Amino acid sequence: MRIVVIVFLVLIVGSLASALVFLLRDRGSRERTARALALRVGLSLTLFLLLMAGYATGFITQRL
């Protein structure tokens, strides 16, 4: 599960970086920037739901 979380975090940061590149390159068109940011939001929500489902099913436990 740790690997999945790390992969999702890398994808989220990559999507955010690509949105920054699109914002700087495409001065008039904002379609690619909006699409990259929407992908980042989707990945973040998916990661959140996976973490909640993992905790609810007992796959992720709380360590003290």
PDB file of N, CA and C in Angstrom:
ATOM      1  N   MET A   1       0.820  -1.195   0.000  1.00  0.00           N
ATOM      2  CA  MET A   1       0.000   0.000   0.000  1.00  0.00           C
ATOM      3  C   MET A   1       0.862   1.257   0.000  1.00  0.00           C
ATOM      4  N   ARG A   2       2.018   1.158   0.645  1.00  0.00           N
ATOM      5  CA  ARG A   2       2.914   2.309   0.709  1.00  0.00           C
ATOM      6  C   ARG A   2       3.380   2.711  -0.690  1.00  0.00           C
ATOM      7  N   ILE A   3       3.651   1.721  -1.521  1.00  0.00           N
ATOM      8  CA  ILE A   3       4.104   1.995  -2.896  1.00  0.00           C
ATOM      9  C   ILE A   3       3.007   2.698  -3.690  1.00  0.00           C
ATOM     10  N   VAL A   4       1.764   2.262  -3.511  1.00  0.00           N
ATOM     11  CA  VAL A   4       0.633   2.872  -4.225  1.00  0.00           C
ATOM     12  C   VAL A   4       0.493   4.339  -3.833  1.00  0.00           C
ATOM     13  N   VAL A   5       0.623   4.643  -2.562  1.00  0.00           N
ATOM     14  CA  VAL A   5       0.518   6.025  -2.088  1.00  0.00           C
ATOM     15  C   VAL A   5       1.648   6.870  -2.667  1.00  0.00           C
ATOM     16  N   ILE A   6       2.854   6.328  -2.678  1.00  0.00           N
ATOM     17  CA  ILE A   6       3.996   7.069  -3.229  1.00  0.00           C
ATOM     18  C   ILE A   6       3.812   7.328  -4.716  1.00  0.00           C
ATOM     19  N   VAL A   7       3.322   6.325  -5.443  1.00  0.00           N
ATOM     20  CA  VAL A   7       3.084   6.495  -6.887  1.00  0.00           C
ATOM     21  C   VAL A   7       2.025   7.566  -7.121  1.00  0.00           C
ATOM     22  N   PHE A   8       0.945   7.534  -6.345  1.00  0.00           N
ATOM     23  CA  PHE A   8      -0.088   8.556  -6.499  1.00  0.00           C
ATOM     24  C   PHE A   8       0.455   9.948  -6.187  1.00  0.00           C
ATOM     25  N   LEU A   9       1.262  10.078  -5.150  1.00  0.00           N
ATOM     26  CA  LEU A   9       1.827  11.390  -4.814  1.00  0.00           C
ATOM     27  C   LEU A   9       2.754  11.902  -5.917  1.00  0.00           C
ATOM     28  N   VAL A  10       3.535  11.008  -6.504  1.00  0.00           N
ATOM     29  CA  VAL A  10       4.409  11.408  -7.614  1.00  0.00           C
ATOM     30  C   VAL A  10       3.569  11.845  -8.813  1.00  0.00           C
ATOM     31  N   LEU A  11       2.496  11.121  -9.104  1.00  0.00           N
ATOM     32  CA  LEU A  11       1.617  11.500 -10.214  1.00  0.00           C
ATOM     33  C   LEU A  11       0.936  12.843  -9.956  1.00  0.00           C
ATOM     34  N   ILE A  12       0.532  13.085  -8.726  1.00  0.00           N
ATOM     35  CA  ILE A  12      -0.109  14.356  -8.380  1.00  0.00           C
ATOM     36  C   ILE A  12       0.868  15.512  -8.556  1.00  0.00           C
ATOM     37  N   VAL A  13       2.085  15.360  -8.070  1.00  0.00           N
ATOM     38  CA  VAL A  13       3.090  16.424  -8.224  1.00  0.00           C
ATOM     39  C   VAL A  13       3.448  16.603  -9.701  1.00  0.00           C
ATOM     40  N   GLY A  14       3.535  15.510 -10.450  1.00  0.00           N
ATOM     41  CA  GLY A  14       3.816  15.605 -11.886  1.00  0.00           C
ATOM     42  C   GLY A  14       2.719  16.338 -12.633  1.00  0.00           C
ATOM     43  N   SER A  15       1.472  16.072 -12.281  1.00  0.00           N
ATOM     44  CA  SER A  15       0.356  16.770 -12.913  1.00  0.00           C
ATOM     45  C   SER A  15       0.374  18.254 -12.570  1.00  0.00           C
ATOM     46  N   LEU A  16       0.715  18.572 -11.338  1.00  0.00           N
ATOM     47  CA  LEU A  16       0.812  19.971 -10.938  1.00  0.00           C
ATOM     48  C   LEU A  16       1.945  20.683 -11.682  1.00  0.00           C
ATOM     49  N   ALA A  17       3.069  19.998 -11.856  1.00  0.00           N
ATOM     50  CA  ALA A  17       4.189  20.586 -12.592  1.00  0.00           C
ATOM     51  C   ALA A  17       3.838  20.785 -14.065  1.00  0.00           C
ATOM     52  N   SER A  18       3.132  19.816 -14.650  1.00  0.00           N
ATOM     53  CA  SER A  18       2.745  19.977 -16.059  1.00  0.00           C
ATOM     54  C   SER A  18       1.754  21.126 -16.217  1.00  0.00           C
ATOM     55  N   ALA A  19       0.884  21.320 -15.237  1.00  0.00           N
ATOM     56  CA  ALA A  19      -0.040  22.456 -15.302  1.00  0.00           C
ATOM     57  C   ALA A  19       0.726  23.766 -15.261  1.00  0.00           C
ATOM     58  N   LEU A  20       1.784  23.830 -14.459  1.00  0.00           N
ATOM     59  CA  LEU A  20       2.611  25.039 -14.408  1.00  0.00           C
ATOM     60  C   LEU A  20       3.297  25.283 -15.747  1.00  0.00           C
ATOM     61  N   VAL A  21       3.813  24.230 -16.355  1.00  0.00           N
ATOM     62  CA  VAL A  21       4.467  24.369 -17.662  1.00  0.00           C
ATOM     63  C   VAL A  21       3.464  24.830 -18.708  1.00  0.00           C
ATOM     64  N   PHE A  22       2.262  24.231 -18.706  1.00  0.00           N
ATOM     65  CA  PHE A  22       1.237  24.641 -19.670  1.00  0.00           C
ATOM     66  C   PHE A  22       0.813  26.086 -19.441  1.00  0.00           C
ATOM     67  N   LEU A  23       0.761  26.503 -18.173  1.00  0.00           N
ATOM     68  CA  LEU A  23       0.373  27.872 -17.864  1.00  0.00           C
ATOM     69  C   LEU A  23       1.408  28.860 -18.396  1.00  0.00           C
ATOM     70  N   LEU A  24       2.684  28.511 -18.286  1.00  0.00           N
ATOM     71  CA  LEU A  24       3.731  29.414 -18.748  1.00  0.00           C
ATOM     72  C   LEU A  24       3.874  29.409 -20.264  1.00  0.00           C
ATOM     73  N   ARG A  25       3.672  28.260 -20.900  1.00  0.00           N
ATOM     74  CA  ARG A  25       3.834  28.164 -22.359  1.00  0.00           C
ATOM     75  C   ARG A  25       2.641  28.705 -23.127  1.00  0.00           C
ATOM     76  N   ASP A  26       1.446  28.262 -22.769  1.00  0.00           N
ATOM     77  CA  ASP A  26       0.230  28.654 -23.489  1.00  0.00           C
ATOM     78  C   ASP A  26      -0.320  29.926 -22.881  1.00  0.00           C
ATOM     79  N   ARG A  27       0.045  31.022 -23.446  1.00  0.00           N
ATOM     80  CA  ARG A  27      -0.360  32.304 -22.855  1.00  0.00           C
ATOM     81  C   ARG A  27      -1.837  32.610 -23.105  1.00  0.00           C
ATOM     82  N   GLY A  28      -2.382  32.219 -24.242  1.00  0.00           N
ATOM     83  CA  GLY A  28      -3.775  32.539 -24.547  1.00  0.00           C
ATOM     84  C   GLY A  28      -4.742  31.417 -24.217  1.00  0.00           C
ATOM     85  N   SER A  29      -4.320  30.163 -24.416  1.00  0.00           N
ATOM     86  CA  SER A  29      -5.205  29.021 -24.221  1.00  0.00           C
ATOM     87  C   SER A  29      -4.987  28.428 -22.831  1.00  0.00           C
ATOM     88  N   ARG A  30      -6.076  28.204 -22.140  1.00  0.00           N
ATOM     89  CA  ARG A  30      -5.988  27.647 -20.787  1.00  0.00           C
ATOM     90  C   ARG A  30      -6.570  26.248 -20.708  1.00  0.00           C
ATOM     91  N   GLU A  31      -6.857  25.644 -21.838  1.00  0.00           N
ATOM     92  CA  GLU A  31      -7.512  24.333 -21.845  1.00  0.00           C
ATOM     93  C   GLU A  31      -6.599  23.245 -21.275  1.00  0.00           C
ATOM     94  N   ARG A  32      -5.341  23.235 -21.697  1.00  0.00           N
ATOM     95  CA  ARG A  32      -4.425  22.190 -21.198  1.00  0.00           C
ATOM     96  C   ARG A  32      -4.115  22.374 -19.722  1.00  0.00           C
ATOM     97  N   THR A  33      -4.029  23.616 -19.279  1.00  0.00           N
ATOM     98  CA  THR A  33      -3.794  23.868 -17.853  1.00  0.00           C
ATOM     99  C   THR A  33      -4.967  23.377 -17.020  1.00  0.00           C
ATOM    100  N   ALA A  34      -6.167  23.683 -17.469  1.00  0.00           N
ATOM    101  CA  ALA A  34      -7.366  23.251 -16.738  1.00  0.00           C
ATOM    102  C   ALA A  34      -7.471  21.736 -16.718  1.00  0.00           C
ATOM    103  N   ARG A  35      -7.119  21.085 -17.824  1.00  0.00           N
ATOM    104  CA  ARG A  35      -7.179  19.624 -17.885  1.00  0.00           C
ATOM    105  C   ARG A  35      -6.163  18.994 -16.935  1.00  0.00           C
ATOM    106  N   ALA A  36      -4.965  19.560 -16.863  1.00  0.00           N
ATOM    107  CA  ALA A  36      -3.940  19.034 -15.960  1.00  0.00           C
ATOM    108  C   ALA A  36      -4.340  19.233 -14.507  1.00  0.00           C
ATOM    109  N   LEU A  37      -4.931  20.378 -14.189  1.00  0.00           N
ATOM    110  CA  LEU A  37      -5.379  20.611 -12.814  1.00  0.00           C
ATOM    111  C   LEU A  37      -6.563  19.726 -12.454  1.00  0.00           C
ATOM    112  N   ALA A  38      -7.453  19.478 -13.415  1.00  0.00           N
ATOM    113  CA  ALA A  38      -8.573  18.569 -13.171  1.00  0.00           C
ATOM    114  C   ALA A  38      -8.064  17.146 -12.938  1.00  0.00           C
ATOM    115  N   LEU A  39      -7.034  16.745 -13.658  1.00  0.00           N
ATOM    116  CA  LEU A  39      -6.428  15.432 -13.445  1.00  0.00           C
ATOM    117  C   LEU A  39      -5.822  15.346 -12.049  1.00  0.00           C
ATOM    118  N   ARG A  40      -5.193  16.413 -11.596  1.00  0.00           N
ATOM    119  CA  ARG A  40      -4.618  16.436 -10.255  1.00  0.00           C
ATOM    120  C   ARG A  40      -5.688  16.291  -9.190  1.00  0.00           C
ATOM    121  N   VAL A  41      -6.804  16.973  -9.371  1.00  0.00           N
ATOM    122  CA  VAL A  41      -7.901  16.865  -8.418  1.00  0.00           C
ATOM    123  C   VAL A  41      -8.465  15.451  -8.419  1.00  0.00           C
ATOM    124  N   GLY A  42      -8.605  14.862  -9.598  1.00  0.00           N
ATOM    125  CA  GLY A  42      -9.102  13.494  -9.688  1.00  0.00           C
ATOM    126  C   GLY A  42      -8.171  12.493  -9.017  1.00  0.00           C
ATOM    127  N   LEU A  43      -6.876  12.662  -9.225  1.00  0.00           N
ATOM    128  CA  LEU A  43      -5.910  11.774  -8.577  1.00  0.00           C
ATOM    129  C   LEU A  43      -5.928  11.950  -7.058  1.00  0.00           C
ATOM    130  N   SER A  44      -6.066  13.183  -6.594  1.00  0.00           N
ATOM    131  CA  SER A  44      -6.108  13.435  -5.155  1.00  0.00           C
ATOM    132  C   SER A  44      -7.347  12.799  -4.520  1.00  0.00           C
ATOM    133  N   LEU A  45      -8.487  12.939  -5.178  1.00  0.00           N
ATOM    134  CA  LEU A  45      -9.706  12.324  -4.663  1.00  0.00           C
ATOM    135  C   LEU A  45      -9.621  10.803  -4.668  1.00  0.00           C
ATOM    136  N   THR A  46      -9.042  10.245  -5.723  1.00  0.00           N
ATOM    137  CA  THR A  46      -8.878   8.796  -5.792  1.00  0.00           C
ATOM    138  C   THR A  46      -7.970   8.299  -4.675  1.00  0.00           C
ATOM    139  N   LEU A  47      -6.876   8.995  -4.437  1.00  0.00           N
ATOM    140  CA  LEU A  47      -5.976   8.617  -3.356  1.00  0.00           C
ATOM    141  C   LEU A  47      -6.678   8.707  -2.004  1.00  0.00           C
ATOM    142  N   PHE A  48      -7.439   9.762  -1.793  1.00  0.00           N
ATOM    143  CA  PHE A  48      -8.175   9.911  -0.541  1.00  0.00           C
ATOM    144  C   PHE A  48      -9.166   8.769  -0.349  1.00  0.00           C
ATOM    145  N   LEU A  49      -9.912   8.428  -1.400  1.00  0.00           N
ATOM    146  CA  LEU A  49     -10.884   7.341  -1.301  1.00  0.00           C
ATOM    147  C   LEU A  49     -10.198   5.998  -1.074  1.00  0.00           C
ATOM    148  N   LEU A  50      -9.062   5.772  -1.712  1.00  0.00           N
ATOM    149  CA  LEU A  50      -8.319   4.531  -1.488  1.00  0.00           C
ATOM    150  C   LEU A  50      -7.819   4.433  -0.047  1.00  0.00           C
ATOM    151  N   LEU A  51      -7.348   5.532   0.495  1.00  0.00           N
ATOM    152  CA  LEU A  51      -6.892   5.536   1.884  1.00  0.00           C
ATOM    153  C   LEU A  51      -8.050   5.295   2.847  1.00  0.00           C
ATOM    154  N   MET A  52      -9.194   5.902   2.578  1.00  0.00           N
ATOM    155  CA  MET A  52     -10.359   5.700   3.442  1.00  0.00           C
ATOM    156  C   MET A  52     -10.861   4.255   3.355  1.00  0.00           C
ATOM    157  N   ALA A  53     -10.894   3.701   2.144  1.00  0.00           N
ATOM    158  CA  ALA A  53     -11.337   2.316   1.976  1.00  0.00           C
ATOM    159  C   ALA A  53     -10.352   1.353   2.630  1.00  0.00           C
ATOM    160  N   GLY A  54      -9.072   1.620   2.512  1.00  0.00           N
ATOM    161  CA  GLY A  54      -8.071   0.778   3.141  1.00  0.00           C
ATOM    162  C   GLY A  54      -8.158   0.798   4.649  1.00  0.00           C
ATOM    163  N   TYR A  55      -8.447   1.951   5.209  1.00  0.00           N
ATOM    164  CA  TYR A  55      -8.591   2.055   6.659  1.00  0.00           C
ATOM    165  C   TYR A  55      -9.876   1.374   7.132  1.00  0.00           C
ATOM    166  N   ALA A  56     -10.965   1.543   6.357  1.00  0.00           N
ATOM    167  CA  ALA A  56     -12.256   0.957   6.735  1.00  0.00           C
ATOM    168  C   ALA A  56     -12.217  -0.578   6.674  1.00  0.00           C
ATOM    169  N   THR A  57     -11.462  -1.132   5.733  1.00  0.00           N
ATOM    170  CA  THR A  57     -11.404  -2.581   5.616  1.00  0.00           C
ATOM    171  C   THR A  57     -10.341  -3.203   6.503  1.00  0.00           C
ATOM    172  N   GLY A  58      -9.542  -2.398   7.151  1.00  0.00           N
ATOM    173  CA  GLY A  58      -8.515  -2.913   8.034  1.00  0.00           C
ATOM    174  C   GLY A  58      -7.190  -3.191   7.338  1.00  0.00           C
ATOM    175  N   PHE A  59      -7.103  -2.845   6.059  1.00  0.00           N
ATOM    176  CA  PHE A  59      -5.858  -3.041   5.317  1.00  0.00           C
ATOM    177  C   PHE A  59      -4.794  -2.073   5.806  1.00  0.00           C
ATOM    178  N   ILE A  60      -5.221  -0.889   6.230  1.00  0.00           N
ATOM    179  CA  ILE A  60      -4.325   0.103   6.819  1.00  0.00           C
ATOM    180  C   ILE A  60      -4.683   0.193   8.293  1.00  0.00           C
ATOM    181  N   THR A  61      -3.700   0.019   9.146  1.00  0.00           N
ATOM    182  CA  THR A  61      -3.945   0.102  10.572  1.00  0.00           C
ATOM    183  C   THR A  61      -3.239   1.302  11.159  1.00  0.00           C
ATOM    184  N   GLN A  62      -3.711   1.720  12.311  1.00  0.00           N
ATOM    185  CA  GLN A  62      -3.114   2.864  12.989  1.00  0.00           C
ATOM    186  C   GLN A  62      -1.966   2.375  13.873  1.00  0.00           C
ATOM    187  N   ARG A  63      -0.798   2.986  13.702  1.00  0.00           N
ATOM    188  CA  ARG A  63       0.369   2.641  14.510  1.00  0.00           C
ATOM    189  C   ARG A  63       0.555   3.658  15.603  1.00  0.00           C
ATOM    190  N   LEU A  64       0.996   3.188  16.747  1.00  0.00           N
ATOM    191  CA  LEU A  64       1.271   4.089  17.864  1.00  0.00           C
ATOM    192  C   LEU A  64       2.742   4.140  18.156  1.00  0.00           C
TER     193      LEU A  64
END
